[in-house]
């Protein structure tokens, strides 16, 4: 792909905010490290030619250290269509629906509504130090810009920016999210996107989510969060009414290699303790391209928060086409129309499967997945052997006929030899016994 200007060199400054988190990538050919990954993806897993990024687009992240500087404006614009656009079939979707009339609340530190792709689309915008809120908003609702191949999932939807978390670090608590979800609900948002999950939940947060659903808003959130000791279940995604989203790579494989266990006292979506972090859907969350603050240039990022933005955009499309649907019906539509996981709907890494915006816009709620859990069915051998009624009866019948034919032939041969094959005269006994 080509850039409009020379690519900047990226450097990493400042000490880490969390012991397990690094903030910047410096080489374009090294995959972007998703914010919720425990380890950097292997460089050997390269995207297809259509997914290739320009040399050294800058990266934005949901978290940073307090003494790390703000994201600088970028002017490098990618002219080609990004891999996510093709994977989700957005060209076909946009012929049917572009999200008009729907409002998506983006819960992040800030959203820069002045970036060209979001001009006139953002309410409550401001200076975005991290750049992550602007990045997520671009995934949801970026308008087409001349010379750019990038466009949002719902490019006619409106965005309400709801300031959430520490502005200089992005760290978010359950109390922050509860207050922000209530604010988003009061604004009349149809879809509420949680940009950065909290690693601990609260009763207040659960009540805010329930109130949002009652008011007609669907909450979409990252399945995991980055805590002091690594990747943890994200909140409010563990609430049963929240659409919980995990990230997949350019290859379609989950970013995380194994499910994230719940702590001993945490409850899953069914109210039971133990198990793994809830995952309803997975969506693109690796080497994703979007816009950033300050200019029309493009950035890259990844993680479950990025994946949740794609699903929030898909939810906006569904709400736009059928505004009478309840949040539960929109959620069900997205689940039942997803590309199903080979392991079924209980897959702890993929959930119901990969989000499919086109099927969600054209499908019907309440359907059933077209696969069942497990591998291809191969029956075990019967303890009495393998017998099929039709073929067995045919074999037995033929065998009996051959036996009877052999017995009759034996009698004819024996008696024919006794009479030296002379035919019997009239009145002469057929057998050799008698006069």
Protein backbone atom coordinates (compact mmCIF):
# COMPACT_ATOMS: atom_id res chain seq x y z
CA UNK A 1 0.00 0.00 0.00
CA UNK A 2 1.12 3.60 -0.46
CA UNK A 3 1.36 6.49 2.00
CA UNK A 4 0.83 10.11 1.22
CA UNK A 5 3.87 11.07 3.24
CA UNK A 6 6.98 9.44 4.61
CA UNK A 7 6.15 7.07 7.46
CA UNK A 8 7.14 8.27 10.91
CA UNK A 9 9.51 6.39 13.15
CA UNK A 10 7.77 5.21 16.30
CA UNK A 11 9.48 5.20 19.65
CA UNK A 12 8.46 3.99 23.06
CA UNK A 13 8.74 6.41 25.94
CA UNK A 14 7.92 6.28 29.62
CA UNK A 15 7.63 3.45 32.08
CA UNK A 16 4.78 0.93 31.82
CA UNK A 17 1.56 1.61 33.63
CA UNK A 18 1.05 -2.08 34.35
CA UNK A 19 3.72 -4.70 34.81
CA UNK A 20 2.44 -6.81 31.95
CA UNK A 21 1.74 -4.18 29.32
CA UNK A 22 3.91 -2.61 26.62
CA UNK A 23 2.62 0.35 24.64
CA UNK A 24 4.29 0.81 21.27
CA UNK A 25 5.30 -1.19 18.17
CA UNK A 26 8.13 0.21 16.06
CA UNK A 27 8.17 -1.92 12.93
CA UNK A 28 5.31 -2.17 10.45
CA UNK A 29 5.88 -5.81 9.55
CA UNK A 30 5.62 -6.91 13.18
CA UNK A 31 1.97 -7.63 14.05
CA UNK A 32 0.32 -5.11 16.31
CA UNK A 33 0.12 -6.47 19.85
CA UNK A 34 -3.55 -6.56 20.87
CA UNK A 35 -4.20 -4.77 24.12
CA UNK A 36 -5.62 -7.90 25.73
CA UNK A 37 -3.09 -10.43 24.53
CA UNK A 38 -0.69 -12.11 26.91
CA UNK A 39 2.02 -12.31 24.30
CA UNK A 40 2.88 -10.70 20.99
CA UNK A 41 1.56 -12.70 18.00
CA UNK A 42 4.15 -14.59 16.05
CA UNK A 43 5.62 -12.61 13.09
CA UNK A 44 5.30 -15.77 11.00
CA UNK A 45 1.53 -15.32 10.92
CA UNK A 46 1.38 -12.73 8.17
CA UNK A 47 -1.85 -11.40 6.66
CA UNK A 48 -2.83 -11.82 3.06
CA UNK A 49 -1.69 -9.32 0.45
CA UNK A 50 -4.93 -7.39 0.81
CA UNK A 51 -4.33 -7.12 4.56
CA UNK A 52 -0.80 -5.72 4.33
CA UNK A 53 -0.29 -2.42 6.14
CA UNK A 54 1.93 0.46 5.04
CA UNK A 55 5.41 0.60 6.51
CA UNK A 56 5.01 1.89 10.07
CA UNK A 57 1.57 3.29 10.66
CA UNK A 58 1.46 4.55 14.26
CA UNK A 59 -0.33 2.52 16.90
CA UNK A 60 -2.92 3.58 19.44
CA UNK A 61 -3.70 1.68 22.62
CA UNK A 62 -6.46 1.74 25.24
CA UNK A 63 -3.94 2.26 28.08
CA UNK A 64 -0.68 4.10 28.57
CA UNK A 65 1.55 5.34 31.37
CA UNK A 66 0.84 8.76 32.81
CA UNK A 67 4.18 10.23 31.65
CA UNK A 68 3.89 8.91 28.10
CA UNK A 69 3.02 11.70 25.68
CA UNK A 70 -0.25 12.03 23.81
CA UNK A 71 -0.75 10.52 20.35
CA UNK A 72 0.49 12.87 17.62
CA UNK A 73 -1.59 13.71 14.57
CA UNK A 74 -0.89 11.51 11.55
CA UNK A 75 -1.12 12.32 7.85
CA UNK A 76 -0.37 8.92 6.29
CA UNK A 77 -3.55 7.73 4.58
CA UNK A 78 -4.09 4.22 3.23
CA UNK A 79 -5.77 4.33 -0.16
CA UNK A 80 -6.60 0.61 -0.37
CA UNK A 81 -9.53 -1.12 1.30
CA UNK A 82 -8.47 -2.71 4.62
CA UNK A 83 -8.85 -6.43 5.19
CA UNK A 84 -11.64 -5.93 7.74
CA UNK A 85 -13.87 -4.28 5.13
CA UNK A 86 -13.64 -7.33 2.86
CA UNK A 87 -13.89 -9.89 5.66
CA UNK A 88 -17.14 -8.39 6.94
CA UNK A 89 -18.61 -7.84 3.48
CA UNK A 90 -19.25 -4.15 4.16
CA UNK A 91 -19.51 -3.19 0.48
CA UNK A 92 -22.56 -5.45 0.13
CA UNK A 93 -24.03 -4.35 3.46
CA UNK A 94 -23.79 -0.66 2.61
CA UNK A 95 -25.94 -1.18 -0.47
CA UNK A 96 -28.75 -2.10 1.94
CA UNK A 97 -28.11 -0.18 5.13
CA UNK A 98 -25.64 2.44 6.39
CA UNK A 99 -26.86 2.94 9.95
CA UNK A 100 -28.91 6.09 9.41
CA UNK A 101 -30.97 7.24 12.39
CA UNK A 102 -29.02 5.27 15.01
CA UNK A 103 -26.91 6.72 17.84
CA UNK A 104 -23.93 4.82 19.24
CA UNK A 105 -22.45 5.95 22.56
CA UNK A 106 -18.68 5.39 22.70
CA UNK A 107 -17.34 5.07 26.24
CA UNK A 108 -13.67 6.13 26.07
CA UNK A 109 -11.44 8.84 27.46
CA UNK A 110 -12.39 11.15 24.56
CA UNK A 111 -13.34 11.28 20.87
CA UNK A 112 -11.93 13.84 18.44
CA UNK A 113 -14.92 14.86 16.37
CA UNK A 114 -12.77 17.12 14.21
CA UNK A 115 -10.97 14.39 12.32
CA UNK A 116 -12.23 14.51 8.69
CA UNK A 117 -13.80 11.04 8.67
CA UNK A 118 -15.91 11.93 11.74
CA UNK A 119 -16.66 15.54 10.90
CA UNK A 120 -20.24 16.30 11.90
CA UNK A 121 -20.84 12.80 13.25
CA UNK A 122 -19.78 13.22 16.90
CA UNK A 123 -21.61 14.82 19.78
CA UNK A 124 -19.55 15.66 22.84
CA UNK A 125 -16.16 15.38 21.15
CA UNK A 126 -12.95 16.85 22.54
CA UNK A 127 -9.18 16.50 22.71
CA UNK A 128 -8.24 12.82 22.60
CA UNK A 129 -4.85 12.21 24.18
CA UNK A 130 -4.86 8.42 23.82
CA UNK A 131 -6.53 8.41 20.40
CA UNK A 132 -8.33 5.17 21.23
CA UNK A 133 -11.82 6.67 21.49
CA UNK A 134 -11.41 8.31 18.07
CA UNK A 135 -10.12 5.01 16.68
CA UNK A 136 -13.18 3.09 17.95
CA UNK A 137 -15.57 5.76 16.71
CA UNK A 138 -13.99 5.50 13.27
CA UNK A 139 -14.62 1.74 13.18
CA UNK A 140 -18.26 2.36 14.05
CA UNK A 141 -19.17 5.40 11.96
CA UNK A 142 -16.31 6.84 9.85
CA UNK A 143 -17.60 8.62 6.75
CA UNK A 144 -15.99 8.07 3.34
CA UNK A 145 -13.08 10.45 2.70
CA UNK A 146 -11.57 11.03 -0.78
CA UNK A 147 -8.32 9.13 -1.22
CA UNK A 148 -9.01 6.78 1.72
CA UNK A 149 -10.07 3.14 1.49
CA UNK A 150 -11.39 3.10 5.04
CA UNK A 151 -15.03 3.54 6.03
CA UNK A 152 -16.95 2.65 9.19
CA UNK A 153 -19.31 -0.28 9.65
CA UNK A 154 -22.29 2.12 9.96
CA UNK A 155 -21.10 5.27 8.13
CA UNK A 156 -24.37 7.17 8.61
CA UNK A 157 -24.75 6.47 12.35
CA UNK A 158 -24.19 9.22 14.91
CA UNK A 159 -21.69 8.99 17.78
CA UNK A 160 -22.12 10.31 21.31
CA UNK A 161 -18.79 10.58 23.12
CA UNK A 162 -19.07 9.70 26.82
CA UNK A 163 -15.86 10.47 28.70
CA UNK A 164 -14.86 7.36 30.67
CA UNK A 165 -11.70 6.55 32.60
CA UNK A 166 -8.56 8.51 33.40
CA UNK A 167 -7.87 10.90 30.47
CA UNK A 168 -4.08 10.44 30.57
CA UNK A 169 -3.96 6.68 31.12
CA UNK A 170 -7.25 5.14 30.04
CA UNK A 171 -7.59 3.11 33.24
CA UNK A 172 -11.28 2.43 33.87
CA UNK A 173 -13.11 1.21 36.97
CA UNK A 174 -16.51 -0.35 37.50
CA UNK A 175 -17.72 2.93 39.04
CA UNK A 176 -16.57 4.88 35.95
CA UNK A 177 -18.39 2.51 33.62
CA UNK A 178 -21.59 2.48 35.67
CA UNK A 179 -21.78 6.28 35.61
CA UNK A 180 -20.95 6.42 31.89
CA UNK A 181 -23.55 3.77 30.94
CA UNK A 182 -26.20 5.75 32.81
CA UNK A 183 -25.11 8.92 31.01
CA UNK A 184 -25.23 7.13 27.63
CA UNK A 185 -28.69 5.77 28.45
CA UNK A 186 -29.93 9.25 29.33
CA UNK A 187 -28.62 10.55 25.98
CA UNK A 188 -30.98 8.18 24.16
CA UNK A 189 -28.24 5.99 22.65
CA UNK A 190 -29.43 2.89 20.81
CA UNK A 191 -26.11 1.06 21.21
CA UNK A 192 -23.55 1.57 23.99
CA UNK A 193 -19.96 0.59 23.19
CA UNK A 194 -17.66 0.03 26.16
CA UNK A 195 -14.20 0.83 24.80
CA UNK A 196 -12.08 -0.41 27.71
CA UNK A 197 -13.39 -2.99 30.16
CA UNK A 198 -12.82 -2.97 33.90
CA UNK A 199 -11.15 -6.00 35.44
CA UNK A 200 -13.57 -5.98 38.38
CA UNK A 201 -17.35 -5.76 38.34
CA UNK A 202 -19.82 -4.32 40.84
CA UNK A 203 -23.50 -4.44 41.72
CA UNK A 204 -23.81 -0.81 40.64
CA UNK A 205 -22.41 -1.66 37.19
CA UNK A 206 -24.84 -4.57 36.80
CA UNK A 207 -27.74 -2.28 37.71
CA UNK A 208 -26.60 0.29 35.14
CA UNK A 209 -26.51 -2.39 32.43
CA UNK A 210 -29.99 -3.63 33.33
CA UNK A 211 -31.33 -0.07 33.26
CA UNK A 212 -29.80 0.47 29.82
CA UNK A 213 -31.52 -2.62 28.47
CA UNK A 214 -34.86 -1.55 29.93
CA UNK A 215 -34.42 1.83 28.23
CA UNK A 216 -33.83 0.17 24.86
CA UNK A 217 -30.02 0.32 24.59
CA UNK A 218 -27.83 -2.68 23.74
CA UNK A 219 -24.51 -2.72 25.61
CA UNK A 220 -21.52 -4.14 23.70
CA UNK A 221 -18.28 -4.73 25.61
CA UNK A 222 -14.84 -6.42 25.39
CA UNK A 223 -14.78 -9.96 26.75
CA UNK A 224 -11.48 -9.41 28.54
CA UNK A 225 -9.55 -6.66 30.32
CA UNK A 226 -5.89 -6.15 31.13
CA UNK A 227 -5.28 -6.30 34.87
CA UNK A 228 -2.22 -6.07 37.10
CA UNK A 229 -1.47 -9.77 36.64
CA UNK A 230 -2.40 -10.26 33.00
CA UNK A 231 -5.57 -10.84 31.01
CA UNK A 232 -8.72 -11.03 33.12
CA UNK A 233 -12.45 -11.36 32.42
CA UNK A 234 -13.78 -7.97 31.37
CA UNK A 235 -16.70 -6.16 32.96
CA UNK A 236 -19.53 -5.48 32.23
CA UNK A 237 -19.20 -8.24 29.59
CA UNK A 238 -19.89 -10.93 32.20
CA UNK A 239 -23.48 -9.65 32.54
CA UNK A 240 -25.86 -11.91 30.62
CA UNK A 241 -27.57 -9.08 28.70
CA UNK A 242 -24.29 -7.57 27.45
CA UNK A 243 -22.97 -8.61 24.04
CA UNK A 244 -19.49 -9.86 24.93
CA UNK A 245 -16.91 -9.76 22.11
CA UNK A 246 -13.47 -11.31 21.64
CA UNK A 247 -10.88 -10.55 18.95
CA UNK A 248 -9.74 -12.69 16.04
CA UNK A 249 -6.67 -12.41 13.82
CA UNK A 250 -6.49 -11.73 10.09
CA UNK A 251 -6.62 -15.51 9.60
CA UNK A 252 -9.88 -15.81 11.55
CA UNK A 253 -8.22 -17.58 14.47
CA UNK A 254 -8.84 -16.18 17.98
CA UNK A 255 -6.18 -13.76 19.23
CA UNK A 256 -6.07 -15.52 22.59
CA UNK A 257 -4.83 -19.09 22.48
CA UNK A 258 -6.82 -20.25 25.50
CA UNK A 259 -9.94 -19.09 27.38
CA UNK A 260 -9.62 -16.73 30.34
CA UNK A 261 -10.81 -18.37 33.59
CA UNK A 262 -13.10 -16.60 36.01
CA UNK A 263 -11.84 -16.11 39.54
CA UNK A 264 -13.20 -18.38 42.23
CA UNK A 265 -15.90 -15.95 43.41
CA UNK A 266 -16.96 -14.66 39.98
CA UNK A 267 -20.16 -15.88 38.35
CA UNK A 268 -20.64 -16.59 34.67
CA UNK A 269 -23.62 -15.46 32.60
CA UNK A 270 -25.73 -18.30 34.02
CA UNK A 271 -25.08 -17.24 37.62
CA UNK A 272 -22.70 -20.13 38.31
CA UNK A 273 -19.26 -19.70 39.80
CA UNK A 274 -16.15 -20.82 37.95
CA UNK A 275 -15.79 -21.40 34.24
CA UNK A 276 -14.42 -18.94 31.70
CA UNK A 277 -14.99 -15.36 30.63
CA UNK A 278 -18.16 -15.00 28.54
CA UNK A 279 -17.70 -14.72 24.78
CA UNK A 280 -20.77 -14.21 22.59
CA UNK A 281 -19.09 -13.31 19.30
CA UNK A 282 -15.67 -12.69 17.86
CA UNK A 283 -14.72 -9.97 15.39
CA UNK A 284 -11.57 -8.46 13.83
CA UNK A 285 -9.09 -7.42 16.52
CA UNK A 286 -5.62 -7.76 15.00
CA UNK A 287 -3.84 -5.23 12.76
CA UNK A 288 -7.03 -3.22 12.42
CA UNK A 289 -6.94 0.15 10.64
CA UNK A 290 -8.95 3.23 11.60
CA UNK A 291 -8.66 6.98 12.05
CA UNK A 292 -7.06 8.95 14.87
CA UNK A 293 -7.10 12.44 16.37
CA UNK A 294 -5.88 15.64 14.79
CA UNK A 295 -5.73 14.84 11.06
CA UNK A 296 -6.98 12.48 8.36
CA UNK A 297 -4.16 9.94 8.84
CA UNK A 298 -4.64 6.29 9.75
CA UNK A 299 -3.55 4.31 12.80
CA UNK A 300 -3.54 0.62 13.77
CA UNK A 301 -4.66 -1.15 16.93
CA UNK A 302 -6.12 -4.42 18.17
CA UNK A 303 -7.72 -6.26 21.06
CA UNK A 304 -11.19 -7.07 22.33
CA UNK A 305 -12.19 -3.40 22.56
CA UNK A 306 -11.51 -2.99 18.84
CA UNK A 307 -13.48 -6.17 18.09
CA UNK A 308 -16.39 -4.84 20.17
CA UNK A 309 -16.47 -1.69 18.00
CA UNK A 310 -17.13 -3.80 14.88
CA UNK A 311 -20.01 -5.58 16.63
CA UNK A 312 -21.41 -2.26 17.88
CA UNK A 313 -21.40 -1.04 14.27
CA UNK A 314 -23.21 -4.20 13.16
CA UNK A 315 -25.78 -3.68 15.94
CA UNK A 316 -26.31 -0.12 14.67
CA UNK A 317 -27.07 -1.48 11.20
CA UNK A 318 -29.67 -3.87 12.59
CA UNK A 319 -31.30 -1.14 14.71
CA UNK A 320 -31.36 1.17 11.69
CA UNK A 321 -33.18 -1.36 9.53
CA UNK A 322 -35.60 -2.54 12.24
CA UNK A 323 -35.87 0.11 14.96
CA UNK A 324 -38.74 -1.74 16.64
CA UNK A 325 -36.44 -4.56 17.79
CA UNK A 326 -35.60 -4.75 21.48
CA UNK A 327 -31.96 -4.96 22.66
CA UNK A 328 -32.48 -8.67 23.37
CA UNK A 329 -33.76 -9.23 19.83
CA UNK A 330 -30.84 -7.34 18.29
CA UNK A 331 -28.46 -9.41 20.38
CA UNK A 332 -30.20 -12.63 19.31
CA UNK A 333 -30.08 -11.55 15.67
CA UNK A 334 -26.32 -11.04 15.79
CA UNK A 335 -25.75 -14.36 17.58
CA UNK A 336 -27.91 -16.52 15.32
CA UNK A 337 -26.61 -15.02 12.07
CA UNK A 338 -22.92 -15.28 12.94
CA UNK A 339 -20.59 -17.60 11.04
CA UNK A 340 -20.82 -20.50 13.52
CA UNK A 341 -17.90 -21.83 15.48
CA UNK A 342 -16.94 -25.45 14.67
CA UNK A 343 -17.28 -26.18 18.38
CA UNK A 344 -20.80 -24.81 18.66
CA UNK A 345 -22.20 -21.87 20.59
CA UNK A 346 -20.36 -22.79 23.80
CA UNK A 347 -16.92 -22.24 22.26
CA UNK A 348 -15.06 -20.36 25.06
CA UNK A 349 -12.88 -18.47 22.55
CA UNK A 350 -15.30 -17.74 19.67
CA UNK A 351 -18.73 -17.85 21.28
CA UNK A 352 -21.42 -18.26 18.63
CA UNK A 353 -18.87 -17.43 15.93
CA UNK A 354 -17.72 -14.50 13.78
CA UNK A 355 -20.06 -11.55 13.40
CA UNK A 356 -21.71 -11.34 9.96
CA UNK A 357 -23.20 -7.86 9.38
CA UNK A 358 -24.79 -8.78 6.03
CA UNK A 359 -26.61 -11.81 7.47
CA UNK A 360 -27.65 -9.79 10.52
CA UNK A 361 -29.19 -7.07 8.35
CA UNK A 362 -31.03 -9.51 6.10
CA UNK A 363 -31.76 -12.35 8.55
CA UNK A 364 -34.46 -12.98 11.14
CA UNK A 365 -34.08 -13.25 14.93
CA UNK A 366 -34.65 -16.46 16.80
CA UNK A 367 -32.97 -18.78 14.33
CA UNK A 368 -30.76 -21.70 15.25
CA UNK A 369 -27.16 -22.41 14.45
CA UNK A 370 -26.56 -24.80 11.59
CA UNK A 371 -23.92 -26.78 13.47
CA UNK A 372 -23.81 -28.73 16.67
CA UNK A 373 -20.95 -29.09 19.14
CA UNK A 374 -18.42 -31.79 18.48
CA UNK A 375 -16.50 -33.26 15.59
CA UNK A 376 -17.80 -35.24 12.62
CA UNK A 377 -20.00 -38.13 13.78
CA UNK A 378 -18.54 -41.62 13.43
CA UNK A 379 -20.61 -44.36 15.15
CA UNK A 380 -18.91 -46.89 17.41
CA UNK A 381 -19.03 -50.59 16.35
CA UNK A 382 -22.00 -52.52 17.75
CA UNK A 383 -21.29 -55.09 20.47
CA UNK A 384 -23.23 -57.55 18.29
CA UNK A 385 -21.40 -56.74 15.12
CA UNK A 386 -22.31 -54.53 12.21
CA UNK A 387 -25.47 -55.82 10.43
CA UNK A 388 -27.75 -54.18 7.92
CA UNK A 389 -31.15 -55.90 7.47
CA UNK A 390 -31.56 -55.60 3.70
CA UNK A 391 -28.10 -56.75 2.69
CA UNK A 392 -28.09 -59.55 5.29
CA UNK A 393 -31.43 -60.97 4.04
CA UNK A 394 -30.18 -60.94 0.45
CA UNK A 395 -27.00 -62.80 1.34
CA UNK A 396 -28.87 -65.41 3.41
CA UNK A 397 -31.44 -65.95 0.65
CA UNK A 398 -28.83 -66.49 -2.06
CA UNK A 399 -26.83 -68.82 0.17
CA UNK A 400 -29.92 -70.96 0.90
CA UNK A 401 -30.79 -71.20 -2.79
CA UNK A 402 -27.26 -72.37 -3.62
CA UNK A 403 -27.39 -75.02 -0.89
CA UNK A 404 -30.74 -76.44 -2.10
CA UNK A 405 -29.49 -76.45 -5.70
CA UNK A 406 -26.37 -78.35 -4.67
CA UNK A 407 -28.41 -81.01 -2.78
CA UNK A 408 -30.72 -81.63 -5.76
CA UNK A 409 -27.80 -81.77 -8.14
CA UNK A 410 -26.14 -84.39 -5.92
CA UNK A 411 -29.21 -86.63 -6.00
CA UNK A 412 -29.54 -86.37 -9.75
CA UNK A 413 -25.89 -87.21 -10.29
CA UNK A 414 -25.94 -90.20 -7.91
CA UNK A 415 -29.08 -91.76 -9.41
CA UNK A 416 -28.05 -91.01 -12.94
CA UNK A 417 -24.83 -92.87 -12.45
CA UNK A 418 -26.69 -95.85 -10.90
CA UNK A 419 -28.82 -96.20 -14.06
CA UNK A 420 -25.83 -95.39 -16.25
CA UNK A 421 -27.69 -92.33 -17.45
CA UNK A 422 -30.31 -94.53 -19.26
CA UNK A 423 -33.76 -92.93 -19.37
CA UNK A 424 -36.52 -94.92 -17.63
CA UNK A 425 -38.95 -96.95 -19.79
CA UNK A 426 -42.71 -96.55 -19.33
CA UNK A 427 -43.74 -98.10 -15.98
CA UNK A 428 -40.13 -98.62 -14.87
CA UNK A 429 -39.30 -97.28 -11.36
CA UNK A 430 -37.14 -94.20 -11.45
CA UNK A 431 -34.89 -95.43 -8.66
CA UNK A 432 -32.72 -98.55 -8.78
CA UNK A 433 -34.60 -100.17 -5.85
CA UNK A 434 -37.29 -102.82 -6.56
CA UNK A 435 -37.71 -105.48 -9.34
